[in-house]
Amino acid sequence: MSEIFKVEPEEIKIPERVLAARLGFKGLGKIPDDFKESFDRAYSIALSVAKPSAVYETFPSKNMENGVKIGEMIIEGKLAASQLKGSKGVTVILATLGSKFDEKIEELHKSGEELLSFFLDGIGSEMAEYFARMLDSALREKFGQGSARISPGYVDLPLSLNGWIIDAIGGQRIGVTYDPQTYIMKPRKTISAFIGWK
């Protein structure tokens, strides 16, 4: 049975240097003074619209010739083989900021507030990642040593796995769906992943 993990947006701590790099100020280590007011406004909006929620479930796993079998799904390829092979179990994760985040980015874009929309989009990407890291850390405290967290769309892990993940662990419980043709997830600020446990 899948489990739910939630935090308040204020609990997600993102280093300023990370946000600065994401927003186009790489190498500066901070948000430039000329953009600080807009950034602060965008961050305030992010905190008001983000609803960080995750669903996860741990499945038994079995080694296959070129990958691993998780539940009833066989995942092949170099990335799955290098990270998940030899695992006793694999936790499947979905973490999202919710649909209101997407709606606010679009609303700002349509109203001509492009800089705010751009900043909110970038902040959301990092907020989703650092939220996923919080769940990752909580799971490692529970299960101990694990593989790297790997996601569909990276290296040779197919994006189509998003469909299986959402259906298998009940993505609808946190409002996550996917396009059946592209396997792109909605809301956009959503991360899917696997962690194998030794």
C-alpha atoms as a PDB file:
ATOM      1  CA  MET A   1       0.000   0.000   0.000  1.00  0.00           C
ATOM      2  CA  SER A   2       1.351   3.401  -0.940  1.00  0.00           C
ATOM      3  CA  GLU A   3       2.066   6.006   1.735  1.00  0.00           C
ATOM      4  CA  ILE A   4       1.745   9.793   1.714  1.00  0.00           C
ATOM      5  CA  PHE A   5       4.472  12.269   2.689  1.00  0.00           C
ATOM      6  CA  LYS A   6       3.718  15.985   3.105  1.00  0.00           C
ATOM      7  CA  VAL A   7       5.560  19.047   4.383  1.00  0.00           C
ATOM      8  CA  GLU A   8       4.847  22.756   4.594  1.00  0.00           C
ATOM      9  CA  PRO A   9       6.515  24.781   1.790  1.00  0.00           C
ATOM     10  CA  GLU A  10       8.468  26.781   4.381  1.00  0.00           C
ATOM     11  CA  GLU A  11      10.190  23.569   5.492  1.00  0.00           C
ATOM     12  CA  ILE A  12      11.874  23.153   2.098  1.00  0.00           C
ATOM     13  CA  LYS A  13      15.263  24.849   2.393  1.00  0.00           C
ATOM     14  CA  ILE A  14      16.991  25.709  -0.888  1.00  0.00           C
ATOM     15  CA  PRO A  15      20.456  27.328  -0.882  1.00  0.00           C
ATOM     16  CA  GLU A  16      20.425  30.818  -2.434  1.00  0.00           C
ATOM     17  CA  ARG A  17      23.346  29.891  -4.707  1.00  0.00           C
ATOM     18  CA  VAL A  18      21.228  27.045  -6.163  1.00  0.00           C
ATOM     19  CA  LEU A  19      18.310  29.379  -6.837  1.00  0.00           C
ATOM     20  CA  ALA A  20      20.621  32.031  -8.289  1.00  0.00           C
ATOM     21  CA  ALA A  21      22.136  29.506 -10.701  1.00  0.00           C
ATOM     22  CA  ARG A  22      18.687  28.205 -11.720  1.00  0.00           C
ATOM     23  CA  LEU A  23      17.471  31.747 -12.433  1.00  0.00           C
ATOM     24  CA  GLY A  24      20.404  32.652 -14.669  1.00  0.00           C
ATOM     25  CA  PHE A  25      22.859  34.106 -12.160  1.00  0.00           C
ATOM     26  CA  LYS A  26      25.297  31.198 -12.110  1.00  0.00           C
ATOM     27  CA  GLY A  27      28.654  32.054 -10.590  1.00  0.00           C
ATOM     28  CA  LEU A  28      27.321  34.947  -8.514  1.00  0.00           C
ATOM     29  CA  GLY A  29      26.218  32.773  -5.609  1.00  0.00           C
ATOM     30  CA  LYS A  30      23.301  35.054  -4.802  1.00  0.00           C
ATOM     31  CA  ILE A  31      20.409  36.956  -6.343  1.00  0.00           C
ATOM     32  CA  PRO A  32      21.669  40.338  -7.635  1.00  0.00           C
ATOM     33  CA  ASP A  33      20.328  43.392  -5.803  1.00  0.00           C
ATOM     34  CA  ASP A  34      18.593  44.655  -8.965  1.00  0.00           C
ATOM     35  CA  PHE A  35      16.447  41.497  -9.027  1.00  0.00           C
ATOM     36  CA  LYS A  36      16.025  40.939  -5.276  1.00  0.00           C
ATOM     37  CA  GLU A  37      12.599  42.594  -5.018  1.00  0.00           C
ATOM     38  CA  SER A  38      11.187  40.534  -7.894  1.00  0.00           C
ATOM     39  CA  PHE A  39      12.765  37.374  -6.520  1.00  0.00           C
ATOM     40  CA  ASP A  40      11.371  37.961  -3.042  1.00  0.00           C
ATOM     41  CA  ARG A  41       7.919  38.503  -4.498  1.00  0.00           C
ATOM     42  CA  ALA A  42       8.171  35.330  -6.598  1.00  0.00           C
ATOM     43  CA  TYR A  43       9.378  33.315  -3.596  1.00  0.00           C
ATOM     44  CA  SER A  44       6.507  34.621  -1.490  1.00  0.00           C
ATOM     45  CA  ILE A  45       4.077  33.533  -4.217  1.00  0.00           C
ATOM     46  CA  ALA A  46       5.764  30.111  -4.356  1.00  0.00           C
ATOM     47  CA  LEU A  47       5.236  29.607  -0.634  1.00  0.00           C
ATOM     48  CA  SER A  48       1.583  30.598  -0.951  1.00  0.00           C
ATOM     49  CA  VAL A  49       0.691  28.256  -3.840  1.00  0.00           C
ATOM     50  CA  ALA A  50       2.932  25.221  -3.271  1.00  0.00           C
ATOM     51  CA  LYS A  51       1.277  22.143  -1.749  1.00  0.00           C
ATOM     52  CA  PRO A  52       4.200  19.687  -1.430  1.00  0.00           C
ATOM     53  CA  SER A  53       2.796  16.160  -1.411  1.00  0.00           C
ATOM     54  CA  ALA A  54       4.375  12.827  -2.227  1.00  0.00           C
ATOM     55  CA  VAL A  55       3.198   9.260  -2.546  1.00  0.00           C
ATOM     56  CA  TYR A  56       5.576   6.315  -2.388  1.00  0.00           C
ATOM     57  CA  GLU A  57       5.558   2.553  -2.186  1.00  0.00           C
ATOM     58  CA  THR A  58       8.254  -0.081  -1.765  1.00  0.00           C
ATOM     59  CA  PHE A  59       8.105  -3.152  -4.011  1.00  0.00           C
ATOM     60  CA  PRO A  60      10.045  -6.419  -3.882  1.00  0.00           C
ATOM     61  CA  SER A  61      12.631  -6.565  -6.632  1.00  0.00           C
ATOM     62  CA  LYS A  62      14.322  -9.320  -8.576  1.00  0.00           C
ATOM     63  CA  ASN A  63      17.420  -9.303 -10.753  1.00  0.00           C
ATOM     64  CA  MET A  64      16.899  -9.794 -14.482  1.00  0.00           C
ATOM     65  CA  GLU A  65      19.519 -10.296 -17.201  1.00  0.00           C
ATOM     66  CA  ASN A  66      19.618  -6.614 -18.217  1.00  0.00           C
ATOM     67  CA  GLY A  67      17.872  -4.854 -15.362  1.00  0.00           C
ATOM     68  CA  VAL A  68      15.449  -5.493 -12.560  1.00  0.00           C
ATOM     69  CA  LYS A  69      11.864  -6.579 -11.990  1.00  0.00           C
ATOM     70  CA  ILE A  70       9.938  -4.262  -9.653  1.00  0.00           C
ATOM     71  CA  GLY A  71       6.575  -5.703  -8.705  1.00  0.00           C
ATOM     72  CA  GLU A  72       5.231  -6.779 -12.093  1.00  0.00           C
ATOM     73  CA  MET A  73       7.271  -4.235 -14.108  1.00  0.00           C
ATOM     74  CA  ILE A  74      10.575  -5.196 -15.747  1.00  0.00           C
ATOM     75  CA  ILE A  75      12.918  -2.228 -16.121  1.00  0.00           C
ATOM     76  CA  GLU A  76      15.832  -2.776 -18.453  1.00  0.00           C
ATOM     77  CA  GLY A  77      18.833  -0.691 -19.431  1.00  0.00           C
ATOM     78  CA  LYS A  78      22.187   0.475 -18.134  1.00  0.00           C
ATOM     79  CA  LEU A  79      20.917   2.916 -15.516  1.00  0.00           C
ATOM     80  CA  ALA A  80      18.487   0.447 -13.927  1.00  0.00           C
ATOM     81  CA  ALA A  81      21.122  -2.295 -14.000  1.00  0.00           C
ATOM     82  CA  SER A  82      23.821  -0.094 -12.420  1.00  0.00           C
ATOM     83  CA  GLN A  83      21.623   1.363  -9.669  1.00  0.00           C
ATOM     84  CA  LEU A  84      18.851  -1.116  -8.906  1.00  0.00           C
ATOM     85  CA  LYS A  85      20.344  -4.544  -9.606  1.00  0.00           C
ATOM     86  CA  GLY A  86      21.010  -6.445  -6.416  1.00  0.00           C
ATOM     87  CA  SER A  87      18.397  -4.502  -4.467  1.00  0.00           C
ATOM     88  CA  LYS A  88      16.177  -6.324  -1.984  1.00  0.00           C
ATOM     89  CA  GLY A  89      13.413  -3.816  -2.644  1.00  0.00           C
ATOM     90  CA  VAL A  90      12.799  -0.657  -4.645  1.00  0.00           C
ATOM     91  CA  THR A  91      10.852   2.379  -3.473  1.00  0.00           C
ATOM     92  CA  VAL A  92       8.881   4.149  -6.197  1.00  0.00           C
ATOM     93  CA  ILE A  93       8.308   7.864  -5.588  1.00  0.00           C
ATOM     94  CA  LEU A  94       6.072  10.653  -6.891  1.00  0.00           C
ATOM     95  CA  ALA A  95       6.569  14.143  -5.417  1.00  0.00           C
ATOM     96  CA  THR A  96       4.654  17.223  -6.547  1.00  0.00           C
ATOM     97  CA  LEU A  97       4.024  20.867  -5.681  1.00  0.00           C
ATOM     98  CA  GLY A  98       0.431  20.629  -6.892  1.00  0.00           C
ATOM     99  CA  SER A  99      -1.607  22.147  -9.712  1.00  0.00           C
ATOM    100  CA  LYS A 100      -1.949  25.645  -8.208  1.00  0.00           C
ATOM    101  CA  PHE A 101       1.764  26.180  -8.826  1.00  0.00           C
ATOM    102  CA  ASP A 102       1.335  25.568 -12.563  1.00  0.00           C
ATOM    103  CA  GLU A 103      -1.762  27.766 -12.653  1.00  0.00           C
ATOM    104  CA  LYS A 104       0.043  30.688 -11.031  1.00  0.00           C
ATOM    105  CA  ILE A 105       2.991  30.474 -13.448  1.00  0.00           C
ATOM    106  CA  GLU A 106       0.542  30.577 -16.369  1.00  0.00           C
ATOM    107  CA  GLU A 107      -1.502  33.378 -14.804  1.00  0.00           C
ATOM    108  CA  LEU A 108       1.586  35.580 -14.397  1.00  0.00           C
ATOM    109  CA  HIS A 109       2.663  34.800 -17.958  1.00  0.00           C
ATOM    110  CA  LYS A 110      -0.731  35.726 -19.398  1.00  0.00           C
ATOM    111  CA  SER A 111      -0.858  38.952 -17.411  1.00  0.00           C
ATOM    112  CA  GLY A 112       2.490  40.052 -18.858  1.00  0.00           C
ATOM    113  CA  GLU A 113       4.515  39.588 -15.672  1.00  0.00           C
ATOM    114  CA  GLU A 114       7.151  37.557 -17.485  1.00  0.00           C
ATOM    115  CA  LEU A 115       9.976  38.021 -14.996  1.00  0.00           C
ATOM    116  CA  LEU A 116       7.806  36.882 -12.091  1.00  0.00           C
ATOM    117  CA  SER A 117       6.549  33.935 -14.141  1.00  0.00           C
ATOM    118  CA  PHE A 118      10.125  32.980 -15.056  1.00  0.00           C
ATOM    119  CA  PHE A 119      11.330  33.284 -11.458  1.00  0.00           C
ATOM    120  CA  LEU A 120       8.367  31.292 -10.109  1.00  0.00           C
ATOM    121  CA  ASP A 121       8.994  28.557 -12.677  1.00  0.00           C
ATOM    122  CA  GLY A 122      12.658  28.275 -11.667  1.00  0.00           C
ATOM    123  CA  ILE A 123      11.914  28.398  -7.950  1.00  0.00           C
ATOM    124  CA  GLY A 124       9.315  25.651  -8.454  1.00  0.00           C
ATOM    125  CA  SER A 125      11.803  23.363 -10.185  1.00  0.00           C
ATOM    126  CA  GLU A 126      14.243  23.623  -7.285  1.00  0.00           C
ATOM    127  CA  MET A 127      11.489  23.422  -4.667  1.00  0.00           C
ATOM    128  CA  ALA A 128      10.252  20.159  -6.195  1.00  0.00           C
ATOM    129  CA  GLU A 129      13.801  18.763  -6.250  1.00  0.00           C
ATOM    130  CA  TYR A 130      14.562  19.737  -2.651  1.00  0.00           C
ATOM    131  CA  PHE A 131      11.195  18.355  -1.528  1.00  0.00           C
ATOM    132  CA  ALA A 132      12.108  15.056  -3.218  1.00  0.00           C
ATOM    133  CA  ARG A 133      15.438  15.180  -1.357  1.00  0.00           C
ATOM    134  CA  MET A 134      13.577  15.507   1.942  1.00  0.00           C
ATOM    135  CA  LEU A 135      11.618  12.336   1.178  1.00  0.00           C
ATOM    136  CA  ASP A 136      14.810  10.667  -0.042  1.00  0.00           C
ATOM    137  CA  SER A 137      16.504  11.452   3.306  1.00  0.00           C
ATOM    138  CA  ALA A 138      13.516  10.199   5.310  1.00  0.00           C
ATOM    139  CA  LEU A 139      13.522   6.931   3.367  1.00  0.00           C
ATOM    140  CA  ARG A 140      17.268   6.439   3.891  1.00  0.00           C
ATOM    141  CA  GLU A 141      16.787   6.881   7.630  1.00  0.00           C
ATOM    142  CA  LYS A 142      14.172   4.126   7.474  1.00  0.00           C
ATOM    143  CA  PHE A 143      15.811   1.673   5.061  1.00  0.00           C
ATOM    144  CA  GLY A 144      19.529   2.426   5.344  1.00  0.00           C
ATOM    145  CA  GLN A 145      21.941   2.219   2.427  1.00  0.00           C
ATOM    146  CA  GLY A 146      20.336   2.765  -0.952  1.00  0.00           C
ATOM    147  CA  SER A 147      21.121   3.443  -4.578  1.00  0.00           C
ATOM    148  CA  ALA A 148      21.149   6.842  -6.200  1.00  0.00           C
ATOM    149  CA  ARG A 149      17.668   8.254  -6.813  1.00  0.00           C
ATOM    150  CA  ILE A 150      17.026   7.738 -10.529  1.00  0.00           C
ATOM    151  CA  SER A 151      14.202   9.170 -12.627  1.00  0.00           C
ATOM    152  CA  PRO A 152      12.492   8.325 -15.931  1.00  0.00           C
ATOM    153  CA  GLY A 153      13.845  10.468 -18.752  1.00  0.00           C
ATOM    154  CA  TYR A 154      17.471  10.255 -17.582  1.00  0.00           C
ATOM    155  CA  VAL A 155      20.125   8.221 -19.408  1.00  0.00           C
ATOM    156  CA  ASP A 156      18.224   5.220 -20.837  1.00  0.00           C
ATOM    157  CA  LEU A 157      15.376   5.088 -18.303  1.00  0.00           C
ATOM    158  CA  PRO A 158      12.308   5.614 -20.520  1.00  0.00           C
ATOM    159  CA  LEU A 159       9.837   8.427 -19.822  1.00  0.00           C
ATOM    160  CA  SER A 160       7.036   5.910 -20.401  1.00  0.00           C
ATOM    161  CA  LEU A 161       7.734   4.573 -16.893  1.00  0.00           C
ATOM    162  CA  ASN A 162       5.902   7.641 -15.572  1.00  0.00           C
ATOM    163  CA  GLY A 163       2.648   6.026 -16.657  1.00  0.00           C
ATOM    164  CA  TRP A 164       3.376   2.834 -14.748  1.00  0.00           C
ATOM    165  CA  ILE A 165       4.545   4.715 -11.648  1.00  0.00           C
ATOM    166  CA  ILE A 166       1.429   6.891 -11.468  1.00  0.00           C
ATOM    167  CA  ASP A 167      -0.891   3.938 -11.962  1.00  0.00           C
ATOM    168  CA  ALA A 168       1.032   1.566  -9.664  1.00  0.00           C
ATOM    169  CA  ILE A 169       1.330   3.780  -6.583  1.00  0.00           C
ATOM    170  CA  GLY A 170      -1.820   5.852  -6.959  1.00  0.00           C
ATOM    171  CA  GLY A 171      -0.609   9.184  -8.261  1.00  0.00           C
ATOM    172  CA  GLN A 172      -4.207  10.370  -8.287  1.00  0.00           C
ATOM    173  CA  ARG A 173      -4.046  10.434  -4.468  1.00  0.00           C
ATOM    174  CA  ILE A 174      -1.900  13.568  -4.780  1.00  0.00           C
ATOM    175  CA  GLY A 175      -3.436  14.858  -8.025  1.00  0.00           C
ATOM    176  CA  VAL A 176      -0.756  13.600 -10.440  1.00  0.00           C
ATOM    177  CA  THR A 177      -1.698  12.452 -13.939  1.00  0.00           C
ATOM    178  CA  TYR A 178       0.183  12.002 -17.222  1.00  0.00           C
ATOM    179  CA  ASP A 179      -0.270  12.511 -20.933  1.00  0.00           C
ATOM    180  CA  PRO A 180      -0.733   8.998 -22.407  1.00  0.00           C
ATOM    181  CA  GLN A 181       1.087  10.007 -25.605  1.00  0.00           C
ATOM    182  CA  THR A 182       4.122  11.851 -24.183  1.00  0.00           C
ATOM    183  CA  TYR A 183       4.137  10.514 -20.588  1.00  0.00           C
ATOM    184  CA  ILE A 184       4.791  14.052 -19.383  1.00  0.00           C
ATOM    185  CA  MET A 185       3.366  14.450 -15.896  1.00  0.00           C
ATOM    186  CA  LYS A 186       0.887  16.989 -14.641  1.00  0.00           C
ATOM    187  CA  PRO A 187       1.334  19.066 -12.510  1.00  0.00           C
ATOM    188  CA  ARG A 188       4.599  20.051 -14.181  1.00  0.00           C
ATOM    189  CA  LYS A 189       6.470  20.469 -10.899  1.00  0.00           C
ATOM    190  CA  THR A 190       6.388  16.737 -10.235  1.00  0.00           C
ATOM    191  CA  ILE A 191       9.273  14.299  -9.824  1.00  0.00           C
ATOM    192  CA  SER A 192       9.109  10.519 -10.272  1.00  0.00           C
ATOM    193  CA  ALA A 193      11.923   8.282  -9.105  1.00  0.00           C
ATOM    194  CA  PHE A 194      13.245   4.911  -7.932  1.00  0.00           C
ATOM    195  CA  ILE A 195      15.561   4.082  -5.046  1.00  0.00           C
ATOM    196  CA  GLY A 196      16.937   0.575  -4.578  1.00  0.00           C
ATOM    197  CA  TRP A 197      17.743  -0.809  -1.123  1.00  0.00           C
ATOM    198  CA  LYS A 198      20.647  -3.135  -0.475  1.00  0.00           C
END
